[in-house]
Amino acid sequence: MHASGFVLAGGRSSRMGRDKALLPFGDGTLLDQVARVVLEAVGSVELIGDPAKYGRLGYRVYVDKVAGCGPLGGLYTALSVTRTDWNLVVACDMPAITASDLRVLLRVAAESSSECVAAAGAEGQPEPLCAVYHRRCLPAVVLALRDKRLKMQDLIREFDLRTVPLPDSALANANTPAEWAGLEETLKK
């Protein structure tokens, strides 16, 4: 399956108090880790965020085409610049996600007529920031932006959606320094 990989790194990280994407992780940053995993799974990776901040990482970086709209703006940018039908979109703050996990999503998408294939944790909720979107989702994204319906959980339910169960640990992220400390400790085990 030919697909493109995108990592969203455009958030404000207001609860973290500093840029989550640039938190030290392994031999680089959190963004480095997630970008490497997406690259391994898909064969390509591009970043959605601030080129001045993330351009030095060696990946192509697209600035959000619609600023101030959170992850929805990032998804819009990814679907606007893609050259493929299927597009893996992952948040920059999921350090435990693996290429194997992402390949499962891509395989299900390739075998599906759905518009979106999203990871789902133990409670079955789709994770819109670890999902494969077909390019034909773009018109619905445009309408959501126009109408200021910015909640990704609401939007993802508008698509012909399939979910793929993944361990909650694979989808773990952190929004505060305390959550980050706990997640780092868990990942070291």
N, C-alpha and C. Protein backbone atom coordinates (compact mmCIF):
# COMPACT_ATOMS: atom_id res chain seq x y z
N MET A 1 0.84 -1.18 0.00
CA MET A 1 0.00 0.00 0.00
C MET A 1 0.88 1.25 0.00
N HIS A 2 0.61 2.15 -0.89
CA HIS A 2 1.33 3.41 -0.94
C HIS A 2 0.59 4.42 -0.06
N ALA A 3 1.25 4.93 0.94
CA ALA A 3 0.65 5.89 1.87
C ALA A 3 1.70 6.92 2.25
N SER A 4 1.23 8.00 2.83
CA SER A 4 2.11 9.03 3.36
C SER A 4 1.99 9.05 4.88
N GLY A 5 3.07 9.46 5.54
CA GLY A 5 3.07 9.56 6.99
C GLY A 5 3.25 10.99 7.44
N PHE A 6 2.45 11.38 8.42
CA PHE A 6 2.51 12.73 8.97
C PHE A 6 2.53 12.66 10.49
N VAL A 7 3.32 13.54 11.09
CA VAL A 7 3.32 13.69 12.55
C VAL A 7 2.89 15.11 12.86
N LEU A 8 1.87 15.24 13.70
CA LEU A 8 1.37 16.56 14.09
C LEU A 8 2.17 17.07 15.28
N ALA A 9 2.78 18.23 15.11
CA ALA A 9 3.60 18.81 16.17
C ALA A 9 3.27 20.29 16.36
N GLY A 10 2.08 20.68 16.04
CA GLY A 10 1.74 22.10 16.07
C GLY A 10 1.06 22.58 17.32
N GLY A 11 0.92 21.74 18.33
CA GLY A 11 0.18 22.15 19.53
C GLY A 11 0.88 23.20 20.35
N ARG A 12 0.11 23.85 21.23
CA ARG A 12 0.67 24.90 22.08
C ARG A 12 1.35 24.34 23.32
N SER A 13 1.04 23.12 23.70
CA SER A 13 1.64 22.48 24.89
C SER A 13 1.46 23.34 26.14
N SER A 14 0.32 24.02 26.25
CA SER A 14 0.12 24.96 27.35
C SER A 14 0.13 24.28 28.71
N ARG A 15 -0.45 23.10 28.83
CA ARG A 15 -0.45 22.40 30.12
C ARG A 15 0.92 21.84 30.47
N MET A 16 1.74 21.56 29.46
CA MET A 16 3.08 21.04 29.70
C MET A 16 4.03 22.17 30.13
N GLY A 17 3.76 23.38 29.67
CA GLY A 17 4.62 24.50 30.03
C GLY A 17 5.80 24.68 29.10
N ARG A 18 6.00 23.74 28.19
CA ARG A 18 7.03 23.84 27.16
C ARG A 18 6.63 22.92 26.01
N ASP A 19 7.31 23.05 24.90
CA ASP A 19 6.97 22.32 23.69
C ASP A 19 7.13 20.81 23.91
N LYS A 20 6.01 20.07 23.89
CA LYS A 20 6.06 18.61 24.08
C LYS A 20 6.92 17.94 23.02
N ALA A 21 6.82 18.41 21.81
CA ALA A 21 7.54 17.77 20.71
C ALA A 21 9.04 17.74 20.96
N LEU A 22 9.54 18.72 21.69
CA LEU A 22 10.99 18.83 21.90
C LEU A 22 11.44 18.28 23.25
N LEU A 23 10.56 17.59 23.96
CA LEU A 23 10.97 16.95 25.21
C LEU A 23 12.06 15.92 24.91
N PRO A 24 13.09 15.85 25.74
CA PRO A 24 14.14 14.85 25.52
C PRO A 24 13.57 13.45 25.65
N PHE A 25 13.94 12.62 24.68
CA PHE A 25 13.49 11.23 24.71
C PHE A 25 14.51 10.37 23.99
N GLY A 26 14.99 9.34 24.64
CA GLY A 26 16.01 8.48 24.02
C GLY A 26 17.21 9.30 23.61
N ASP A 27 17.62 9.13 22.35
CA ASP A 27 18.78 9.88 21.87
C ASP A 27 18.38 11.14 21.11
N GLY A 28 17.15 11.57 21.30
CA GLY A 28 16.68 12.78 20.61
C GLY A 28 15.54 13.43 21.37
N THR A 29 14.48 13.67 20.64
CA THR A 29 13.29 14.29 21.23
C THR A 29 12.10 13.37 21.04
N LEU A 30 11.02 13.73 21.68
CA LEU A 30 9.77 12.99 21.53
C LEU A 30 9.34 12.98 20.05
N LEU A 31 9.46 14.13 19.40
CA LEU A 31 9.11 14.22 17.98
C LEU A 31 10.02 13.33 17.13
N ASP A 32 11.31 13.30 17.43
CA ASP A 32 12.23 12.40 16.71
C ASP A 32 11.75 10.96 16.80
N GLN A 33 11.40 10.54 18.01
CA GLN A 33 10.97 9.15 18.25
C GLN A 33 9.76 8.80 17.40
N VAL A 34 8.73 9.63 17.46
CA VAL A 34 7.49 9.33 16.73
C VAL A 34 7.74 9.41 15.23
N ALA A 35 8.51 10.38 14.78
CA ALA A 35 8.80 10.50 13.34
C ALA A 35 9.54 9.27 12.83
N ARG A 36 10.50 8.76 13.60
CA ARG A 36 11.23 7.55 13.18
C ARG A 36 10.29 6.35 13.06
N VAL A 37 9.36 6.22 13.98
CA VAL A 37 8.43 5.10 13.96
C VAL A 37 7.50 5.22 12.75
N VAL A 38 6.99 6.42 12.49
CA VAL A 38 6.13 6.62 11.32
C VAL A 38 6.92 6.33 10.04
N LEU A 39 8.14 6.81 9.96
CA LEU A 39 8.98 6.55 8.79
C LEU A 39 9.19 5.06 8.58
N GLU A 40 9.45 4.34 9.66
CA GLU A 40 9.64 2.89 9.56
C GLU A 40 8.37 2.19 9.08
N ALA A 41 7.23 2.65 9.54
CA ALA A 41 5.95 2.01 9.18
C ALA A 41 5.52 2.31 7.75
N VAL A 42 5.73 3.54 7.32
CA VAL A 42 5.17 4.00 6.04
C VAL A 42 6.22 4.15 4.95
N GLY A 43 7.44 4.48 5.35
CA GLY A 43 8.47 4.74 4.36
C GLY A 43 8.64 6.21 4.06
N SER A 44 7.79 7.05 4.64
CA SER A 44 7.93 8.50 4.50
C SER A 44 7.36 9.15 5.75
N VAL A 45 7.85 10.34 6.05
CA VAL A 45 7.27 11.10 7.15
C VAL A 45 7.49 12.58 6.89
N GLU A 46 6.44 13.34 7.12
CA GLU A 46 6.49 14.79 7.04
C GLU A 46 5.86 15.32 8.32
N LEU A 47 6.29 16.49 8.74
CA LEU A 47 5.81 17.07 9.99
C LEU A 47 4.86 18.22 9.70
N ILE A 48 3.87 18.36 10.56
CA ILE A 48 2.98 19.52 10.50
C ILE A 48 3.26 20.33 11.75
N GLY A 49 3.78 21.52 11.58
CA GLY A 49 4.14 22.36 12.71
C GLY A 49 4.94 23.56 12.25
N ASP A 50 5.73 24.10 13.12
CA ASP A 50 6.51 25.31 12.85
C ASP A 50 7.86 24.94 12.23
N PRO A 51 8.08 25.29 10.97
CA PRO A 51 9.35 24.96 10.33
C PRO A 51 10.56 25.56 11.06
N ALA A 52 10.40 26.70 11.71
CA ALA A 52 11.52 27.31 12.44
C ALA A 52 11.93 26.45 13.63
N LYS A 53 10.97 25.77 14.25
CA LYS A 53 11.26 24.92 15.41
C LYS A 53 11.73 23.53 15.01
N TYR A 54 11.10 22.98 13.98
CA TYR A 54 11.30 21.56 13.69
C TYR A 54 12.07 21.28 12.40
N GLY A 55 12.39 22.31 11.65
CA GLY A 55 13.10 22.13 10.38
C GLY A 55 14.47 21.49 10.54
N ARG A 56 15.12 21.71 11.67
CA ARG A 56 16.47 21.18 11.90
C ARG A 56 16.47 19.66 12.09
N LEU A 57 15.29 19.05 12.24
CA LEU A 57 15.23 17.61 12.49
C LEU A 57 15.46 16.78 11.23
N GLY A 58 15.46 17.44 10.07
CA GLY A 58 15.77 16.73 8.84
C GLY A 58 14.57 16.22 8.06
N TYR A 59 13.37 16.58 8.49
CA TYR A 59 12.16 16.17 7.78
C TYR A 59 11.52 17.40 7.15
N ARG A 60 10.74 17.17 6.11
CA ARG A 60 9.97 18.27 5.54
C ARG A 60 8.92 18.68 6.56
N VAL A 61 8.77 20.00 6.75
CA VAL A 61 7.82 20.52 7.73
C VAL A 61 6.86 21.46 7.02
N TYR A 62 5.56 21.23 7.23
CA TYR A 62 4.53 22.11 6.70
C TYR A 62 3.92 22.90 7.85
N VAL A 63 3.80 24.20 7.66
CA VAL A 63 3.13 25.03 8.64
C VAL A 63 1.62 24.79 8.50
N ASP A 64 0.89 24.83 9.62
CA ASP A 64 -0.57 24.70 9.56
C ASP A 64 -1.14 25.72 8.60
N LYS A 65 -1.95 25.25 7.66
CA LYS A 65 -2.58 26.16 6.71
C LYS A 65 -3.70 26.97 7.36
N VAL A 66 -4.24 26.45 8.45
CA VAL A 66 -5.29 27.15 9.20
C VAL A 66 -4.84 27.17 10.66
N ALA A 67 -4.29 28.30 11.07
CA ALA A 67 -3.74 28.39 12.43
C ALA A 67 -4.85 28.46 13.47
N GLY A 68 -4.53 27.99 14.68
CA GLY A 68 -5.44 28.12 15.81
C GLY A 68 -6.60 27.16 15.83
N CYS A 69 -6.53 26.11 15.04
CA CYS A 69 -7.63 25.13 14.98
C CYS A 69 -7.23 23.78 15.53
N GLY A 70 -6.12 23.72 16.24
CA GLY A 70 -5.70 22.49 16.88
C GLY A 70 -5.40 21.38 15.89
N PRO A 71 -5.58 20.13 16.32
CA PRO A 71 -5.26 18.99 15.46
C PRO A 71 -6.06 18.97 14.16
N LEU A 72 -7.26 19.54 14.18
CA LEU A 72 -8.06 19.56 12.96
C LEU A 72 -7.34 20.36 11.86
N GLY A 73 -6.71 21.46 12.25
CA GLY A 73 -5.92 22.23 11.29
C GLY A 73 -4.75 21.44 10.76
N GLY A 74 -4.13 20.63 11.63
CA GLY A 74 -3.04 19.78 11.19
C GLY A 74 -3.50 18.71 10.22
N LEU A 75 -4.65 18.10 10.51
CA LEU A 75 -5.21 17.10 9.59
C LEU A 75 -5.53 17.73 8.25
N TYR A 76 -6.13 18.92 8.28
CA TYR A 76 -6.43 19.63 7.05
C TYR A 76 -5.15 19.86 6.23
N THR A 77 -4.10 20.31 6.90
CA THR A 77 -2.85 20.56 6.20
C THR A 77 -2.31 19.27 5.58
N ALA A 78 -2.30 18.19 6.35
CA ALA A 78 -1.80 16.91 5.84
C ALA A 78 -2.59 16.46 4.62
N LEU A 79 -3.91 16.51 4.70
CA LEU A 79 -4.73 16.05 3.57
C LEU A 79 -4.66 17.01 2.39
N SER A 80 -4.28 18.25 2.63
CA SER A 80 -4.13 19.23 1.55
C SER A 80 -2.82 19.05 0.77
N VAL A 81 -1.78 18.60 1.46
CA VAL A 81 -0.47 18.50 0.81
C VAL A 81 -0.12 17.08 0.36
N THR A 82 -0.90 16.10 0.77
CA THR A 82 -0.54 14.71 0.48
C THR A 82 -0.54 14.42 -1.02
N ARG A 83 0.24 13.43 -1.37
CA ARG A 83 0.29 12.94 -2.75
C ARG A 83 -0.27 11.52 -2.85
N THR A 84 -0.82 11.03 -1.74
CA THR A 84 -1.35 9.66 -1.73
C THR A 84 -2.79 9.65 -1.24
N ASP A 85 -3.48 8.55 -1.54
CA ASP A 85 -4.85 8.42 -1.06
C ASP A 85 -4.91 8.21 0.44
N TRP A 86 -4.06 7.30 0.96
CA TRP A 86 -4.06 6.99 2.39
C TRP A 86 -2.96 7.75 3.11
N ASN A 87 -3.30 8.23 4.32
CA ASN A 87 -2.39 9.10 5.06
C ASN A 87 -2.43 8.76 6.55
N LEU A 88 -1.30 8.30 7.05
CA LEU A 88 -1.17 7.99 8.46
C LEU A 88 -0.87 9.29 9.20
N VAL A 89 -1.69 9.60 10.19
CA VAL A 89 -1.53 10.83 10.97
C VAL A 89 -1.38 10.43 12.43
N VAL A 90 -0.26 10.85 13.05
CA VAL A 90 0.05 10.48 14.43
C VAL A 90 0.46 11.74 15.18
N ALA A 91 -0.01 11.87 16.41
CA ALA A 91 0.41 12.97 17.28
C ALA A 91 1.85 12.76 17.70
N CYS A 92 2.54 13.85 17.96
CA CYS A 92 3.96 13.78 18.32
C CYS A 92 4.20 13.28 19.74
N ASP A 93 3.12 13.10 20.52
CA ASP A 93 3.31 12.76 21.93
C ASP A 93 2.88 11.34 22.28
N MET A 94 3.11 10.41 21.36
CA MET A 94 2.80 8.99 21.60
C MET A 94 4.08 8.17 21.49
N PRO A 95 4.96 8.26 22.49
CA PRO A 95 6.28 7.63 22.37
C PRO A 95 6.28 6.12 22.38
N ALA A 96 5.19 5.48 22.80
CA ALA A 96 5.19 4.02 22.88
C ALA A 96 4.59 3.36 21.65
N ILE A 97 4.08 4.15 20.71
CA ILE A 97 3.53 3.56 19.50
C ILE A 97 4.68 2.92 18.71
N THR A 98 4.40 1.79 18.07
CA THR A 98 5.45 1.09 17.32
C THR A 98 5.11 1.05 15.84
N ALA A 99 6.12 0.81 15.04
CA ALA A 99 5.90 0.65 13.60
C ALA A 99 4.98 -0.53 13.34
N SER A 100 5.09 -1.57 14.13
CA SER A 100 4.21 -2.73 13.99
C SER A 100 2.75 -2.34 14.22
N ASP A 101 2.49 -1.55 15.26
CA ASP A 101 1.13 -1.07 15.52
C ASP A 101 0.60 -0.29 14.31
N LEU A 102 1.43 0.59 13.80
CA LEU A 102 1.00 1.44 12.69
C LEU A 102 0.81 0.64 11.41
N ARG A 103 1.63 -0.38 11.20
CA ARG A 103 1.46 -1.23 10.01
C ARG A 103 0.13 -1.98 10.06
N VAL A 104 -0.32 -2.34 11.25
CA VAL A 104 -1.64 -2.99 11.38
C VAL A 104 -2.72 -2.03 10.88
N LEU A 105 -2.66 -0.77 11.31
CA LEU A 105 -3.64 0.22 10.84
C LEU A 105 -3.60 0.36 9.32
N LEU A 106 -2.40 0.43 8.77
CA LEU A 106 -2.24 0.58 7.32
C LEU A 106 -2.78 -0.64 6.57
N ARG A 107 -2.53 -1.83 7.12
CA ARG A 107 -3.01 -3.05 6.47
C ARG A 107 -4.54 -3.09 6.45
N VAL A 108 -5.15 -2.75 7.58
CA VAL A 108 -6.62 -2.72 7.65
C VAL A 108 -7.16 -1.69 6.66
N ALA A 109 -6.52 -0.53 6.58
CA ALA A 109 -6.96 0.50 5.63
C ALA A 109 -6.88 0.00 4.20
N ALA A 110 -5.80 -0.69 3.86
CA ALA A 110 -5.62 -1.19 2.50
C ALA A 110 -6.68 -2.21 2.11
N GLU A 111 -7.17 -2.94 3.09
CA GLU A 111 -8.17 -3.99 2.84
C GLU A 111 -9.59 -3.50 3.04
N SER A 112 -9.76 -2.22 3.34
CA SER A 112 -11.05 -1.68 3.73
C SER A 112 -11.57 -0.68 2.71
N SER A 113 -12.87 -0.52 2.70
CA SER A 113 -13.47 0.54 1.90
C SER A 113 -13.79 1.75 2.78
N SER A 114 -13.37 1.71 4.03
CA SER A 114 -13.62 2.81 4.96
C SER A 114 -12.85 4.06 4.56
N GLU A 115 -13.27 5.18 5.12
CA GLU A 115 -12.57 6.44 4.88
C GLU A 115 -11.47 6.67 5.92
N CYS A 116 -11.63 6.02 7.07
CA CYS A 116 -10.69 6.24 8.16
C CYS A 116 -10.56 4.95 8.97
N VAL A 117 -9.33 4.63 9.33
CA VAL A 117 -9.05 3.50 10.20
C VAL A 117 -8.26 4.06 11.38
N ALA A 118 -8.86 3.96 12.57
CA ALA A 118 -8.26 4.56 13.75
C ALA A 118 -7.93 3.51 14.80
N ALA A 119 -6.85 3.75 15.52
CA ALA A 119 -6.53 2.93 16.68
C ALA A 119 -7.61 3.16 17.73
N ALA A 120 -7.84 2.16 18.56
CA ALA A 120 -8.78 2.28 19.67
C ALA A 120 -8.18 1.60 20.88
N GLY A 121 -8.29 2.25 22.02
CA GLY A 121 -7.80 1.68 23.27
C GLY A 121 -8.79 0.70 23.86
N ALA A 122 -8.57 0.32 25.10
CA ALA A 122 -9.38 -0.70 25.77
C ALA A 122 -10.86 -0.34 25.83
N GLU A 123 -11.17 0.94 25.94
CA GLU A 123 -12.58 1.34 26.02
C GLU A 123 -13.23 1.45 24.66
N GLY A 124 -12.47 1.19 23.59
CA GLY A 124 -13.03 1.18 22.25
C GLY A 124 -13.18 2.53 21.59
N GLN A 125 -12.76 3.59 22.28
CA GLN A 125 -12.85 4.93 21.70
C GLN A 125 -11.82 5.10 20.59
N PRO A 126 -12.23 5.61 19.43
CA PRO A 126 -11.25 5.84 18.37
C PRO A 126 -10.26 6.92 18.77
N GLU A 127 -9.02 6.75 18.38
CA GLU A 127 -7.98 7.75 18.64
C GLU A 127 -7.70 8.47 17.33
N PRO A 128 -8.28 9.65 17.15
CA PRO A 128 -8.14 10.35 15.87
C PRO A 128 -6.72 10.81 15.56
N LEU A 129 -5.84 10.81 16.56
CA LEU A 129 -4.47 11.23 16.31
C LEU A 129 -3.52 10.05 16.21
N CYS A 130 -4.09 8.90 15.91
CA CYS A 130 -3.33 7.70 15.54
C CYS A 130 -4.23 6.95 14.58
N ALA A 131 -4.29 7.47 13.36
CA ALA A 131 -5.28 6.98 12.41
C ALA A 131 -4.78 7.13 10.98
N VAL A 132 -5.40 6.37 10.10
CA VAL A 132 -5.12 6.45 8.67
C VAL A 132 -6.35 7.05 8.01
N TYR A 133 -6.16 8.18 7.34
CA TYR A 133 -7.25 8.91 6.70
C TYR A 133 -7.12 8.81 5.19
N HIS A 134 -8.24 8.54 4.52
CA HIS A 134 -8.25 8.59 3.07
C HIS A 134 -8.38 10.05 2.65
N ARG A 135 -7.81 10.35 1.54
CA ARG A 135 -7.86 11.72 1.01
C ARG A 135 -9.30 12.22 0.85
N ARG A 136 -10.23 11.30 0.65
CA ARG A 136 -11.62 11.74 0.45
C ARG A 136 -12.26 12.27 1.74
N CYS A 137 -11.54 12.25 2.86
CA CYS A 137 -12.01 12.88 4.10
C CYS A 137 -11.89 14.40 4.04
N LEU A 138 -11.11 14.92 3.12
CA LEU A 138 -10.83 16.35 3.09
C LEU A 138 -12.07 17.23 3.04
N PRO A 139 -13.08 16.95 2.20
CA PRO A 139 -14.25 17.84 2.20
C PRO A 139 -14.94 17.95 3.56
N ALA A 140 -15.04 16.85 4.30
CA ALA A 140 -15.65 16.90 5.63
C ALA A 140 -14.80 17.72 6.58
N VAL A 141 -13.48 17.63 6.44
CA VAL A 141 -12.57 18.42 7.28
C VAL A 141 -12.75 19.90 6.98
N VAL A 142 -12.87 20.24 5.71
CA VAL A 142 -13.08 21.64 5.30
C VAL A 142 -14.37 22.17 5.91
N LEU A 143 -15.44 21.39 5.85
CA LEU A 143 -16.73 21.83 6.43
C LEU A 143 -16.62 22.00 7.94
N ALA A 144 -15.94 21.08 8.60
CA ALA A 144 -15.78 21.19 10.05
C ALA A 144 -15.01 22.46 10.41
N LEU A 145 -13.97 22.77 9.66
CA LEU A 145 -13.22 24.01 9.91
C LEU A 145 -14.10 25.23 9.67
N ARG A 146 -14.83 25.21 8.58
CA ARG A 146 -15.71 26.34 8.26
C ARG A 146 -16.72 26.59 9.36
N ASP A 147 -17.27 25.48 9.91
CA ASP A 147 -18.30 25.59 10.93
C ASP A 147 -17.74 25.67 12.35
N LYS A 148 -16.40 25.72 12.47
CA LYS A 148 -15.72 25.79 13.77
C LYS A 148 -16.05 24.60 14.67
N ARG A 149 -16.25 23.43 14.06
CA ARG A 149 -16.43 22.18 14.80
C ARG A 149 -15.05 21.53 14.88
N LEU A 150 -14.32 21.86 15.93
CA LEU A 150 -12.90 21.52 16.00
C LEU A 150 -12.60 20.23 16.75
N LYS A 151 -13.58 19.60 17.37
CA LYS A 151 -13.34 18.39 18.15
C LYS A 151 -13.11 17.20 17.22
N MET A 152 -11.92 16.66 17.30
CA MET A 152 -11.56 15.52 16.44
C MET A 152 -12.42 14.30 16.74
N GLN A 153 -12.79 14.08 18.00
CA GLN A 153 -13.64 12.93 18.35
C GLN A 153 -14.99 13.02 17.65
N ASP A 154 -15.52 14.21 17.49
CA ASP A 154 -16.80 14.38 16.79
C ASP A 154 -16.62 14.17 15.29
N LEU A 155 -15.59 14.75 14.75
CA LEU A 155 -15.36 14.65 13.31
C LEU A 155 -15.13 13.21 12.87
N ILE A 156 -14.32 12.48 13.60
CA ILE A 156 -13.95 11.13 13.16
C ILE A 156 -15.18 10.23 13.04
N ARG A 157 -16.21 10.52 13.82
CA ARG A 157 -17.44 9.72 13.77
C ARG A 157 -18.29 10.03 12.53
N GLU A 158 -17.95 11.10 11.83
CA GLU A 158 -18.66 11.44 10.59
C GLU A 158 -18.19 10.58 9.42
N PHE A 159 -17.02 9.99 9.55
CA PHE A 159 -16.46 9.19 8.47
C PHE A 159 -16.95 7.75 8.53
N ASP A 160 -16.84 7.06 7.42
CA ASP A 160 -17.00 5.61 7.42
C ASP A 160 -15.75 5.09 8.13
N LEU A 161 -15.92 4.72 9.40
CA LEU A 161 -14.80 4.48 10.30
C LEU A 161 -14.67 3.02 10.68
N ARG A 162 -13.45 2.55 10.70
CA ARG A 162 -13.11 1.25 11.31
C ARG A 162 -12.12 1.51 12.41
N THR A 163 -12.26 0.78 13.50
CA THR A 163 -11.29 0.91 14.58
C THR A 163 -10.51 -0.40 14.71
N VAL A 164 -9.29 -0.25 15.17
CA VAL A 164 -8.40 -1.39 15.38
C VAL A 164 -7.92 -1.31 16.83
N PRO A 165 -8.23 -2.33 17.63
CA PRO A 165 -7.79 -2.28 19.02
C PRO A 165 -6.26 -2.34 19.13
N LEU A 166 -5.73 -1.44 19.93
CA LEU A 166 -4.32 -1.44 20.28
C LEU A 166 -4.22 -1.33 21.79
N PRO A 167 -3.13 -1.78 22.37
CA PRO A 167 -2.99 -1.65 23.82
C PRO A 167 -3.02 -0.18 24.23
N ASP A 168 -3.66 0.09 25.37
CA ASP A 168 -3.67 1.46 25.88
C ASP A 168 -2.26 2.02 26.01
N SER A 169 -1.32 1.16 26.36
CA SER A 169 0.07 1.62 26.54
C SER A 169 0.64 2.19 25.24
N ALA A 170 0.23 1.66 24.10
CA ALA A 170 0.73 2.15 22.81
C ALA A 170 0.22 3.55 22.51
N LEU A 171 -0.96 3.87 23.06
CA LEU A 171 -1.58 5.15 22.77
C LEU A 171 -1.36 6.19 23.86
N ALA A 172 -0.58 5.82 24.87
CA ALA A 172 -0.35 6.72 26.00
C ALA A 172 0.34 8.00 25.55
N ASN A 173 -0.14 9.12 26.11
CA ASN A 173 0.50 10.40 25.87
C ASN A 173 0.52 11.19 27.17
N ALA A 174 1.11 12.35 27.13
CA ALA A 174 1.23 13.16 28.34
C ALA A 174 0.96 14.61 28.01
N ASN A 175 0.21 15.27 28.89
CA ASN A 175 -0.11 16.68 28.67
C ASN A 175 0.42 17.60 29.76
N THR A 176 0.89 17.03 30.86
CA THR A 176 1.42 17.83 31.96
C THR A 176 2.79 17.26 32.35
N PRO A 177 3.59 18.05 33.07
CA PRO A 177 4.89 17.52 33.51
C PRO A 177 4.75 16.26 34.37
N ALA A 178 3.74 16.20 35.22
CA ALA A 178 3.55 15.02 36.06
C ALA A 178 3.19 13.79 35.21
N GLU A 179 2.30 13.97 34.24
CA GLU A 179 1.96 12.86 33.34
C GLU A 179 3.18 12.41 32.55
N TRP A 180 4.00 13.36 32.12
CA TRP A 180 5.20 13.03 31.36
C TRP A 180 6.17 12.22 32.21
N ALA A 181 6.35 12.65 33.45
CA ALA A 181 7.25 11.91 34.38
C ALA A 181 6.76 10.49 34.56
N GLY A 182 5.45 10.32 34.74
CA GLY A 182 4.88 8.97 34.90
C GLY A 182 5.04 8.13 33.65
N LEU A 183 4.83 8.74 32.49
CA LEU A 183 4.96 8.01 31.23
C LEU A 183 6.41 7.62 30.98
N GLU A 184 7.33 8.51 31.26
CA GLU A 184 8.76 8.19 31.09
C GLU A 184 9.14 7.00 31.99
N GLU A 185 8.65 7.02 33.21
CA GLU A 185 8.96 5.93 34.14
C GLU A 185 8.39 4.60 33.64
N THR A 186 7.17 4.64 33.12
CA THR A 186 6.54 3.43 32.58
C THR A 186 7.32 2.90 31.38
N LEU A 187 7.78 3.79 30.51
CA LEU A 187 8.49 3.37 29.31
C LEU A 187 9.87 2.80 29.61
N LYS A 188 10.45 3.17 30.74
CA LYS A 188 11.77 2.65 31.11
C LYS A 188 11.68 1.20 31.59
N LYS A 189 10.50 0.76 31.98
CA LYS A 189 10.33 -0.60 32.52
C LYS A 189 10.39 -1.63 31.43
